[in-house]
Amino acid sequence: MYTIFVRKPRVLDEIAQNAQDTDRKEWVEITEKIELTPEQYDAFWRNPTCGSYHFLTDKGGYRDSQRTAVVLTCGNRDPIIVDPSGSDYGRYVGFEVPV
Protein backbone atom coordinates (compact mmCIF):
# COMPACT_ATOMS: atom_id res chain seq x y z
CA MET A 1 0.00 0.00 0.00
CA TYR A 2 1.31 3.47 -0.83
CA THR A 3 1.12 6.33 1.65
CA ILE A 4 2.65 9.66 2.51
CA PHE A 5 3.54 9.66 6.18
CA VAL A 6 3.48 12.71 8.41
CA ARG A 7 5.71 12.45 11.46
CA LYS A 8 3.86 13.07 14.73
CA PRO A 9 0.88 14.97 13.30
CA ARG A 10 -0.99 17.08 15.84
CA VAL A 11 -4.23 16.57 13.91
CA LEU A 12 -5.00 14.37 10.94
CA ASP A 13 -5.78 17.41 8.77
CA GLU A 14 -2.00 17.79 8.45
CA ILE A 15 -1.96 14.52 6.53
CA ALA A 16 -4.49 15.75 3.98
CA GLN A 17 -2.36 18.87 3.45
CA ASN A 18 0.68 16.70 2.65
CA ALA A 19 -1.19 14.26 0.41
CA GLN A 20 -0.38 16.30 -2.69
CA ASP A 21 3.38 15.84 -2.23
CA THR A 22 3.59 12.63 -4.27
CA ASP A 23 7.41 12.77 -4.29
CA ARG A 24 7.18 11.58 -0.67
CA LYS A 25 4.99 8.60 -1.51
CA GLU A 26 6.31 5.30 -0.19
CA TRP A 27 5.33 1.64 -0.18
CA VAL A 28 4.57 0.09 3.21
CA GLU A 29 3.81 -3.50 4.07
CA ILE A 30 0.57 -3.74 6.03
CA THR A 31 0.99 -6.28 8.81
CA GLU A 32 -2.36 -5.93 10.52
CA LYS A 33 -5.82 -4.44 10.07
CA ILE A 34 -7.24 -3.14 13.35
CA GLU A 35 -10.98 -2.45 13.56
CA LEU A 36 -11.69 0.36 16.02
CA THR A 37 -14.89 1.35 17.72
CA PRO A 38 -16.26 4.75 16.68
CA GLU A 39 -15.06 6.16 20.02
CA GLN A 40 -11.51 4.83 19.54
CA TYR A 41 -11.40 6.07 15.93
CA ASP A 42 -12.63 9.54 16.91
CA ALA A 43 -10.12 9.78 19.76
CA PHE A 44 -7.26 8.85 17.44
CA TRP A 45 -8.53 11.20 14.73
CA ARG A 46 -8.58 14.14 17.16
CA ASN A 47 -5.19 13.44 18.69
CA PRO A 48 -3.02 10.78 17.04
CA THR A 49 0.20 11.55 18.94
CA CYS A 50 -0.87 12.50 22.46
CA GLY A 51 -2.26 9.42 24.03
CA SER A 52 -1.47 5.83 24.67
CA TYR A 53 -3.19 3.52 22.20
CA HIS A 54 -2.69 -0.06 23.39
CA PHE A 55 -3.62 -1.42 19.94
CA LEU A 56 -0.45 0.18 18.48
CA THR A 57 2.06 -1.14 21.03
CA ASP A 58 5.01 -2.98 19.45
CA LYS A 59 3.72 -2.52 15.88
CA GLY A 60 5.36 -1.01 12.80
CA GLY A 61 9.00 -0.20 12.14
CA TYR A 62 11.25 -1.90 9.60
CA ARG A 63 11.51 -5.60 8.85
CA ASP A 64 14.19 -6.72 6.39
CA SER A 65 14.59 -3.13 5.12
CA GLN A 66 10.83 -2.88 4.45
CA ARG A 67 8.73 -0.39 6.39
CA THR A 68 5.71 -1.97 8.05
CA ALA A 69 2.51 -0.41 9.33
CA VAL A 70 -0.99 -1.20 10.50
CA VAL A 71 -4.30 0.04 9.10
CA LEU A 72 -6.90 1.43 11.48
CA THR A 73 -10.46 1.02 10.22
CA CYS A 74 -13.92 1.88 11.49
CA GLY A 75 -16.93 1.06 9.33
CA ASN A 76 -17.02 3.23 6.20
CA ARG A 77 -14.61 5.89 7.54
CA ASP A 78 -11.24 6.58 5.91
CA PRO A 79 -8.64 3.94 6.82
CA ILE A 80 -5.65 5.39 8.67
CA ILE A 81 -2.17 3.95 8.08
CA VAL A 82 0.06 4.07 11.15
CA ASP A 83 3.71 3.18 11.74
CA PRO A 84 4.14 3.64 15.48
CA SER A 85 7.69 2.23 15.20
CA GLY A 86 7.20 0.15 18.33
CA SER A 87 5.60 2.87 20.42
CA ASP A 88 1.94 3.24 21.42
CA TYR A 89 1.01 6.42 19.54
CA GLY A 90 0.83 7.63 15.94
CA ARG A 91 4.50 8.37 15.30
CA TYR A 92 4.06 8.22 11.49
CA VAL A 93 0.53 8.54 10.16
CA GLY A 94 -0.90 8.65 6.64
CA PHE A 95 -3.72 7.77 4.31
CA GLU A 96 -3.58 5.46 1.30
CA VAL A 97 -2.58 7.29 -1.88
CA PRO A 98 -3.10 6.07 -5.45
CA VAL A 99 -0.23 4.49 -7.33
C-alpha atoms as a PDB file:
ATOM      1  CA  MET A   1       0.000   0.000   0.000  1.00  0.00           C
ATOM      2  CA  TYR A   2       1.310   3.470  -0.828  1.00  0.00           C
ATOM      3  CA  THR A   3       1.116   6.325   1.648  1.00  0.00           C
ATOM      4  CA  ILE A   4       2.652   9.659   2.508  1.00  0.00           C
ATOM      5  CA  PHE A   5       3.543   9.662   6.181  1.00  0.00           C
ATOM      6  CA  VAL A   6       3.479  12.706   8.413  1.00  0.00           C
ATOM      7  CA  ARG A   7       5.713  12.451  11.460  1.00  0.00           C
ATOM      8  CA  LYS A   8       3.864  13.074  14.731  1.00  0.00           C
ATOM      9  CA  PRO A   9       0.883  14.973  13.302  1.00  0.00           C
ATOM     10  CA  ARG A  10      -0.992  17.075  15.839  1.00  0.00           C
ATOM     11  CA  VAL A  11      -4.233  16.573  13.913  1.00  0.00           C
ATOM     12  CA  LEU A  12      -4.996  14.369  10.937  1.00  0.00           C
ATOM     13  CA  ASP A  13      -5.781  17.407   8.773  1.00  0.00           C
ATOM     14  CA  GLU A  14      -1.996  17.790   8.450  1.00  0.00           C
ATOM     15  CA  ILE A  15      -1.963  14.518   6.533  1.00  0.00           C
ATOM     16  CA  ALA A  16      -4.487  15.749   3.981  1.00  0.00           C
ATOM     17  CA  GLN A  17      -2.359  18.870   3.453  1.00  0.00           C
ATOM     18  CA  ASN A  18       0.680  16.704   2.650  1.00  0.00           C
ATOM     19  CA  ALA A  19      -1.192  14.258   0.411  1.00  0.00           C
ATOM     20  CA  GLN A  20      -0.377  16.299  -2.688  1.00  0.00           C
ATOM     21  CA  ASP A  21       3.380  15.836  -2.229  1.00  0.00           C
ATOM     22  CA  THR A  22       3.588  12.634  -4.273  1.00  0.00           C
ATOM     23  CA  ASP A  23       7.410  12.768  -4.290  1.00  0.00           C
ATOM     24  CA  ARG A  24       7.184  11.583  -0.671  1.00  0.00           C
ATOM     25  CA  LYS A  25       4.985   8.596  -1.515  1.00  0.00           C
ATOM     26  CA  GLU A  26       6.314   5.305  -0.188  1.00  0.00           C
ATOM     27  CA  TRP A  27       5.326   1.644  -0.178  1.00  0.00           C
ATOM     28  CA  VAL A  28       4.570   0.092   3.210  1.00  0.00           C
ATOM     29  CA  GLU A  29       3.806  -3.500   4.067  1.00  0.00           C
ATOM     30  CA  ILE A  30       0.568  -3.740   6.033  1.00  0.00           C
ATOM     31  CA  THR A  31       0.995  -6.283   8.812  1.00  0.00           C
ATOM     32  CA  GLU A  32      -2.365  -5.926  10.520  1.00  0.00           C
ATOM     33  CA  LYS A  33      -5.817  -4.437  10.074  1.00  0.00           C
ATOM     34  CA  ILE A  34      -7.237  -3.135  13.347  1.00  0.00           C
ATOM     35  CA  GLU A  35     -10.977  -2.449  13.556  1.00  0.00           C
ATOM     36  CA  LEU A  36     -11.692   0.357  16.016  1.00  0.00           C
ATOM     37  CA  THR A  37     -14.892   1.346  17.725  1.00  0.00           C
ATOM     38  CA  PRO A  38     -16.260   4.752  16.678  1.00  0.00           C
ATOM     39  CA  GLU A  39     -15.062   6.156  20.018  1.00  0.00           C
ATOM     40  CA  GLN A  40     -11.514   4.832  19.539  1.00  0.00           C
ATOM     41  CA  TYR A  41     -11.396   6.073  15.935  1.00  0.00           C
ATOM     42  CA  ASP A  42     -12.632   9.543  16.913  1.00  0.00           C
ATOM     43  CA  ALA A  43     -10.121   9.779  19.764  1.00  0.00           C
ATOM     44  CA  PHE A  44      -7.258   8.846  17.444  1.00  0.00           C
ATOM     45  CA  TRP A  45      -8.531  11.198  14.729  1.00  0.00           C
ATOM     46  CA  ARG A  46      -8.581  14.143  17.158  1.00  0.00           C
ATOM     47  CA  ASN A  47      -5.194  13.444  18.685  1.00  0.00           C
ATOM     48  CA  PRO A  48      -3.015  10.775  17.042  1.00  0.00           C
ATOM     49  CA  THR A  49       0.201  11.550  18.940  1.00  0.00           C
ATOM     50  CA  CYS A  50      -0.870  12.501  22.459  1.00  0.00           C
ATOM     51  CA  GLY A  51      -2.258   9.425  24.027  1.00  0.00           C
ATOM     52  CA  SER A  52      -1.474   5.831  24.674  1.00  0.00           C
ATOM     53  CA  TYR A  53      -3.193   3.524  22.196  1.00  0.00           C
ATOM     54  CA  HIS A  54      -2.694  -0.056  23.385  1.00  0.00           C
ATOM     55  CA  PHE A  55      -3.619  -1.424  19.942  1.00  0.00           C
ATOM     56  CA  LEU A  56      -0.449   0.182  18.481  1.00  0.00           C
ATOM     57  CA  THR A  57       2.056  -1.138  21.030  1.00  0.00           C
ATOM     58  CA  ASP A  58       5.005  -2.979  19.446  1.00  0.00           C
ATOM     59  CA  LYS A  59       3.720  -2.523  15.885  1.00  0.00           C
ATOM     60  CA  GLY A  60       5.364  -1.005  12.803  1.00  0.00           C
ATOM     61  CA  GLY A  61       8.997  -0.203  12.139  1.00  0.00           C
ATOM     62  CA  TYR A  62      11.247  -1.898   9.599  1.00  0.00           C
ATOM     63  CA  ARG A  63      11.509  -5.599   8.854  1.00  0.00           C
ATOM     64  CA  ASP A  64      14.194  -6.724   6.393  1.00  0.00           C
ATOM     65  CA  SER A  65      14.586  -3.126   5.123  1.00  0.00           C
ATOM     66  CA  GLN A  66      10.825  -2.879   4.445  1.00  0.00           C
ATOM     67  CA  ARG A  67       8.727  -0.387   6.391  1.00  0.00           C
ATOM     68  CA  THR A  68       5.713  -1.971   8.050  1.00  0.00           C
ATOM     69  CA  ALA A  69       2.509  -0.409   9.327  1.00  0.00           C
ATOM     70  CA  VAL A  70      -0.990  -1.199  10.500  1.00  0.00           C
ATOM     71  CA  VAL A  71      -4.296   0.041   9.104  1.00  0.00           C
ATOM     72  CA  LEU A  72      -6.902   1.425  11.480  1.00  0.00           C
ATOM     73  CA  THR A  73     -10.458   1.023  10.220  1.00  0.00           C
ATOM     74  CA  CYS A  74     -13.918   1.875  11.489  1.00  0.00           C
ATOM     75  CA  GLY A  75     -16.929   1.064   9.329  1.00  0.00           C
ATOM     76  CA  ASN A  76     -17.016   3.230   6.201  1.00  0.00           C
ATOM     77  CA  ARG A  77     -14.608   5.892   7.542  1.00  0.00           C
ATOM     78  CA  ASP A  78     -11.241   6.582   5.907  1.00  0.00           C
ATOM     79  CA  PRO A  79      -8.642   3.945   6.821  1.00  0.00           C
ATOM     80  CA  ILE A  80      -5.647   5.394   8.673  1.00  0.00           C
ATOM     81  CA  ILE A  81      -2.173   3.949   8.080  1.00  0.00           C
ATOM     82  CA  VAL A  82       0.065   4.065  11.153  1.00  0.00           C
ATOM     83  CA  ASP A  83       3.706   3.179  11.737  1.00  0.00           C
ATOM     84  CA  PRO A  84       4.139   3.638  15.475  1.00  0.00           C
ATOM     85  CA  SER A  85       7.693   2.231  15.202  1.00  0.00           C
ATOM     86  CA  GLY A  86       7.203   0.150  18.329  1.00  0.00           C
ATOM     87  CA  SER A  87       5.600   2.875  20.419  1.00  0.00           C
ATOM     88  CA  ASP A  88       1.941   3.242  21.420  1.00  0.00           C
ATOM     89  CA  TYR A  89       1.013   6.416  19.540  1.00  0.00           C
ATOM     90  CA  GLY A  90       0.826   7.631  15.942  1.00  0.00           C
ATOM     91  CA  ARG A  91       4.500   8.374  15.303  1.00  0.00           C
ATOM     92  CA  TYR A  92       4.061   8.216  11.494  1.00  0.00           C
ATOM     93  CA  VAL A  93       0.528   8.541  10.156  1.00  0.00           C
ATOM     94  CA  GLY A  94      -0.902   8.647   6.637  1.00  0.00           C
ATOM     95  CA  PHE A  95      -3.719   7.767   4.306  1.00  0.00           C
ATOM     96  CA  GLU A  96      -3.579   5.462   1.297  1.00  0.00           C
ATOM     97  CA  VAL A  97      -2.575   7.289  -1.885  1.00  0.00           C
ATOM     98  CA  PRO A  98      -3.100   6.067  -5.450  1.00  0.00           C
ATOM     99  CA  VAL A  99      -0.232   4.489  -7.327  1.00  0.00           C
END
